[in-house]
Amino acid sequence: VKVFFFIRLIWRELKLMAVRFVWWRGAFVRSARGPPQAPVQFQLLALLRFLGTEGDGSSNSGLRSLYKKGRGTFEIYKDRVITAIRSLRGQFIRWPDAGEWTAIAQRIKKNYKFKNCLGFVDGTIFPFANQPSTHDSSDYHGRKSGYGLSSLIMCDDQRLIQYYVSGWPASAHENRIFRNSDLFQQPFSYFSPYQYVLGDSAYQNTQNDSQWQSNWKTIP
């Protein structure tokens, strides 16, 4: 009974997630020919199974054996769901407007005493399950962990992501990623005078012209 209730609970949550995907019609619209698509929540379940399983269990044949679908079907399912998820990026990760920045800066000043601060930045590594099968695989071996991708993430005081840079190998230093980001190279496109974000000592302060303070401050 507990297992059955748990399965029903998961299926209900998947339906709620699927509703959001359905609104993006490009991925799940039915073509004029061919059989109807599987339910959106079923396609989402296939991707979650693939992402949450290592080894042979995540292979195409392993998924076919579990869900009793034909060859290539799950590749289509995964592509559709990934396309739908990527289409939602602008709703969750975006650069705030002037009014939102004012509200963020006021909250940070009130709660943390940093005047004109717009957010916080740090690096993280997304680990790989295995060593990449590429000639440059050694570049993806990080200083702190195994193989992975290194990313730069900026968020506000409510931990909402405002900006990120991803795709660098895990061996890349956080400051190198920062120096190659638009935040460093084009600060005037993101910051007004005296505004800044906070990072730890891995990052260097930026130096702008006399009308600007450093838009990147480090904390020991």
Protein backbone atom coordinates (compact mmCIF):
# COMPACT_ATOMS: atom_id res chain seq x y z
CA VAL A 1 0.00 0.00 0.00
CA LYS A 2 2.83 2.41 0.85
CA VAL A 3 4.60 1.69 -2.43
CA PHE A 4 1.37 2.23 -4.38
CA PHE A 5 0.73 5.53 -2.57
CA PHE A 6 4.30 6.65 -3.29
CA ILE A 7 3.92 5.87 -6.99
CA ARG A 8 0.64 7.79 -7.13
CA LEU A 9 2.31 10.75 -5.41
CA ILE A 10 5.19 10.79 -7.90
CA TRP A 11 2.79 10.52 -10.84
CA ARG A 12 0.76 13.46 -9.51
CA GLU A 13 3.89 15.59 -9.19
CA LEU A 14 4.94 14.65 -12.71
CA LYS A 15 1.54 15.74 -14.00
CA LEU A 16 2.00 19.14 -12.36
CA MET A 17 5.44 19.50 -13.94
CA ALA A 18 4.07 18.35 -17.29
CA VAL A 19 1.38 21.03 -17.31
CA ARG A 20 4.07 23.72 -17.48
CA PHE A 21 5.77 21.94 -20.37
CA VAL A 22 2.55 21.60 -22.36
CA TRP A 23 2.26 25.36 -22.63
CA TRP A 24 5.42 25.32 -24.72
CA ARG A 25 3.74 23.79 -27.76
CA GLY A 26 6.79 23.43 -29.97
CA ALA A 27 8.11 20.34 -28.22
CA PHE A 28 4.90 18.40 -27.71
CA VAL A 29 2.63 19.40 -30.57
CA ARG A 30 1.32 16.39 -32.47
CA SER A 31 2.39 16.07 -36.08
CA ALA A 32 -0.16 15.56 -38.83
CA ARG A 33 1.09 12.02 -39.40
CA GLY A 34 1.97 9.16 -37.14
CA PRO A 35 0.60 7.88 -33.84
CA PRO A 36 -0.23 10.22 -30.93
CA GLN A 37 2.54 11.09 -28.51
CA ALA A 38 2.90 9.48 -25.13
CA PRO A 39 1.65 11.62 -22.20
CA VAL A 40 4.02 14.47 -21.39
CA GLN A 41 4.57 13.17 -17.85
CA PHE A 42 5.65 9.81 -19.28
CA GLN A 43 8.22 11.50 -21.51
CA LEU A 44 9.43 13.52 -18.52
CA LEU A 45 9.70 10.32 -16.50
CA ALA A 46 11.92 8.80 -19.19
CA LEU A 47 14.35 11.73 -18.98
CA LEU A 48 14.41 11.64 -15.17
CA ARG A 49 15.15 7.93 -15.29
CA PHE A 50 18.02 8.53 -17.70
CA LEU A 51 19.50 11.37 -15.61
CA GLY A 52 19.18 9.47 -12.34
CA THR A 53 20.71 6.18 -13.48
CA GLU A 54 24.32 5.27 -14.19
CA GLY A 55 25.74 2.42 -16.21
CA ASP A 56 23.69 0.07 -18.37
CA GLY A 57 20.45 1.12 -16.68
CA SER A 58 20.56 4.46 -18.48
CA SER A 59 21.32 2.98 -21.89
CA ASN A 60 18.77 2.97 -24.68
CA SER A 61 18.35 -0.79 -24.44
CA GLY A 62 17.91 -0.58 -20.65
CA LEU A 63 15.13 1.98 -21.01
CA ARG A 64 13.45 -0.06 -23.76
CA SER A 65 13.48 -3.10 -21.54
CA LEU A 66 11.92 -1.20 -18.64
CA TYR A 67 9.27 0.80 -20.49
CA LYS A 68 8.64 -1.52 -23.44
CA LYS A 69 9.16 1.09 -26.14
CA GLY A 70 10.85 0.84 -29.49
CA ARG A 71 14.38 1.76 -30.50
CA GLY A 72 14.94 5.48 -30.70
CA THR A 73 11.71 6.39 -28.94
CA PHE A 74 13.44 7.41 -25.74
CA GLU A 75 15.92 9.58 -27.61
CA ILE A 76 12.93 11.48 -28.98
CA TYR A 77 11.36 11.69 -25.50
CA LYS A 78 14.56 13.08 -23.99
CA ASP A 79 15.04 15.62 -26.78
CA ARG A 80 11.47 16.88 -26.43
CA VAL A 81 11.65 17.34 -22.67
CA ILE A 82 15.09 18.99 -22.77
CA THR A 83 13.83 21.38 -25.44
CA ALA A 84 10.83 22.24 -23.26
CA ILE A 85 12.98 22.77 -20.16
CA ARG A 86 15.39 25.01 -22.03
CA SER A 87 12.47 27.09 -23.31
CA LEU A 88 11.64 28.00 -19.70
CA ARG A 89 15.09 29.49 -19.02
CA GLY A 90 13.98 33.09 -19.38
CA GLN A 91 11.29 32.66 -16.73
CA PHE A 92 13.77 31.60 -14.05
CA ILE A 93 17.20 32.96 -14.98
CA ARG A 94 17.25 36.57 -16.13
CA TRP A 95 18.87 39.91 -15.38
CA PRO A 96 16.47 41.98 -13.21
CA ASP A 97 15.24 45.39 -14.26
CA ALA A 98 16.02 48.63 -12.42
CA GLY A 99 13.07 48.34 -10.05
CA GLU A 100 13.95 44.77 -9.08
CA TRP A 101 17.60 45.71 -8.51
CA THR A 102 16.52 48.52 -6.20
CA ALA A 103 14.46 46.08 -4.14
CA ILE A 104 17.33 43.56 -4.01
CA ALA A 105 19.86 46.21 -2.94
CA GLN A 106 17.52 47.47 -0.21
CA ARG A 107 17.03 43.97 1.21
CA ILE A 108 20.76 43.26 1.22
CA LYS A 109 21.50 46.58 2.91
CA LYS A 110 18.83 45.97 5.54
CA ASN A 111 19.79 42.36 6.30
CA TYR A 112 23.56 42.32 5.68
CA LYS A 113 24.66 46.00 5.84
CA PHE A 114 26.22 46.04 2.36
CA LYS A 115 25.20 49.23 0.59
CA ASN A 116 24.57 49.08 -3.20
CA CYS A 117 25.28 45.34 -3.29
CA LEU A 118 23.31 43.49 -5.97
CA GLY A 119 24.14 39.89 -5.15
CA PHE A 120 26.67 37.19 -4.47
CA VAL A 121 28.83 35.07 -6.73
CA ASP A 122 30.72 31.82 -6.41
CA GLY A 123 31.92 28.91 -8.46
CA THR A 124 30.79 25.31 -8.40
CA ILE A 125 31.65 22.08 -10.17
CA PHE A 126 29.10 19.78 -11.74
CA PRO A 127 30.70 16.32 -11.52
CA PHE A 128 30.76 13.72 -14.27
CA ALA A 129 29.96 10.09 -13.55
CA ASN A 130 32.98 8.98 -15.60
CA GLN A 131 36.10 10.30 -17.27
CA PRO A 132 35.22 11.91 -20.63
CA SER A 133 36.19 9.89 -23.69
CA THR A 134 38.00 12.79 -25.34
CA HIS A 135 41.62 13.67 -26.03
CA ASP A 136 41.43 16.59 -23.57
CA SER A 137 39.81 14.63 -20.73
CA SER A 138 42.58 15.62 -18.31
CA ASP A 139 41.39 19.24 -18.52
CA TYR A 140 38.11 18.20 -16.93
CA HIS A 141 39.79 16.84 -13.81
CA GLY A 142 39.37 19.44 -11.08
CA ARG A 143 41.50 20.39 -8.11
CA LYS A 144 38.80 19.53 -5.57
CA SER A 145 37.07 16.53 -7.09
CA GLY A 146 37.02 14.21 -10.07
CA TYR A 147 35.96 15.06 -13.59
CA GLY A 148 33.36 17.73 -14.20
CA LEU A 149 32.34 21.14 -15.51
CA SER A 150 33.15 24.35 -13.67
CA SER A 151 30.58 27.14 -13.52
CA LEU A 152 30.22 30.69 -12.23
CA ILE A 153 26.86 31.50 -10.62
CA MET A 154 25.54 34.82 -9.37
CA CYS A 155 22.40 34.96 -7.22
CA ASP A 156 20.51 37.50 -5.14
CA ASP A 157 19.79 37.41 -1.41
CA GLN A 158 16.89 35.01 -2.01
CA ARG A 159 19.17 32.60 -3.88
CA LEU A 160 17.53 33.25 -7.22
CA ILE A 161 20.05 32.88 -10.05
CA GLN A 162 20.53 36.09 -12.02
CA TYR A 163 23.56 35.18 -14.13
CA TYR A 164 25.76 32.19 -14.82
CA VAL A 165 28.62 31.01 -16.99
CA SER A 166 28.94 27.27 -17.57
CA GLY A 167 30.86 24.87 -19.75
CA TRP A 168 34.41 25.41 -18.52
CA PRO A 169 36.46 22.33 -17.59
CA ALA A 170 36.80 21.63 -13.86
CA SER A 171 40.51 22.50 -13.95
CA ALA A 172 39.72 26.14 -14.81
CA HIS A 173 40.18 28.55 -11.90
CA GLU A 174 37.15 30.53 -10.80
CA ASN A 175 38.87 33.85 -11.45
CA ARG A 176 39.73 32.80 -15.00
CA ILE A 177 36.06 32.07 -15.68
CA PHE A 178 35.11 35.42 -14.18
CA ARG A 179 37.67 37.34 -16.26
CA ASN A 180 36.18 35.81 -19.40
CA SER A 181 32.58 36.60 -18.41
CA ASP A 182 30.54 39.58 -19.59
CA LEU A 183 30.32 40.79 -16.00
CA PHE A 184 34.07 41.47 -16.09
CA GLN A 185 34.48 42.47 -19.71
CA GLN A 186 31.30 44.55 -20.07
CA PRO A 187 30.45 45.80 -16.55
CA PHE A 188 28.73 48.95 -17.83
CA SER A 189 26.06 46.74 -19.42
CA TYR A 190 25.16 45.29 -16.03
CA PHE A 191 26.02 47.76 -13.28
CA SER A 192 25.25 51.38 -12.48
CA PRO A 193 27.77 53.55 -10.62
CA TYR A 194 28.64 52.27 -7.14
CA GLN A 195 26.87 48.95 -7.63
CA TYR A 196 28.74 45.70 -7.10
CA VAL A 197 28.46 41.99 -6.28
CA LEU A 198 30.33 40.08 -3.59
CA GLY A 199 32.65 37.13 -4.10
CA ASP A 200 35.27 35.33 -2.02
CA SER A 201 39.04 35.74 -2.28
CA ALA A 202 39.20 33.55 -5.39
CA TYR A 203 38.13 36.59 -7.40
CA GLN A 204 39.97 39.80 -8.06
CA ASN A 205 38.46 43.26 -7.67
CA THR A 206 37.73 44.98 -10.94
CA GLN A 207 39.01 48.48 -11.56
CA ASN A 208 36.81 50.86 -13.53
CA ASP A 209 37.13 54.54 -14.36
CA SER A 210 36.95 57.29 -11.74
CA GLN A 211 33.16 57.51 -11.87
CA TRP A 212 32.79 53.89 -10.83
CA GLN A 213 33.66 51.92 -7.77
CA SER A 214 34.87 48.38 -8.15
CA ASN A 215 31.88 46.31 -9.30
CA TRP A 216 33.36 43.15 -7.83
CA LYS A 217 34.34 43.01 -4.18
CA THR A 218 36.04 40.15 -2.39
CA ILE A 219 35.45 38.85 1.12
CA PRO A 220 38.37 37.25 2.99
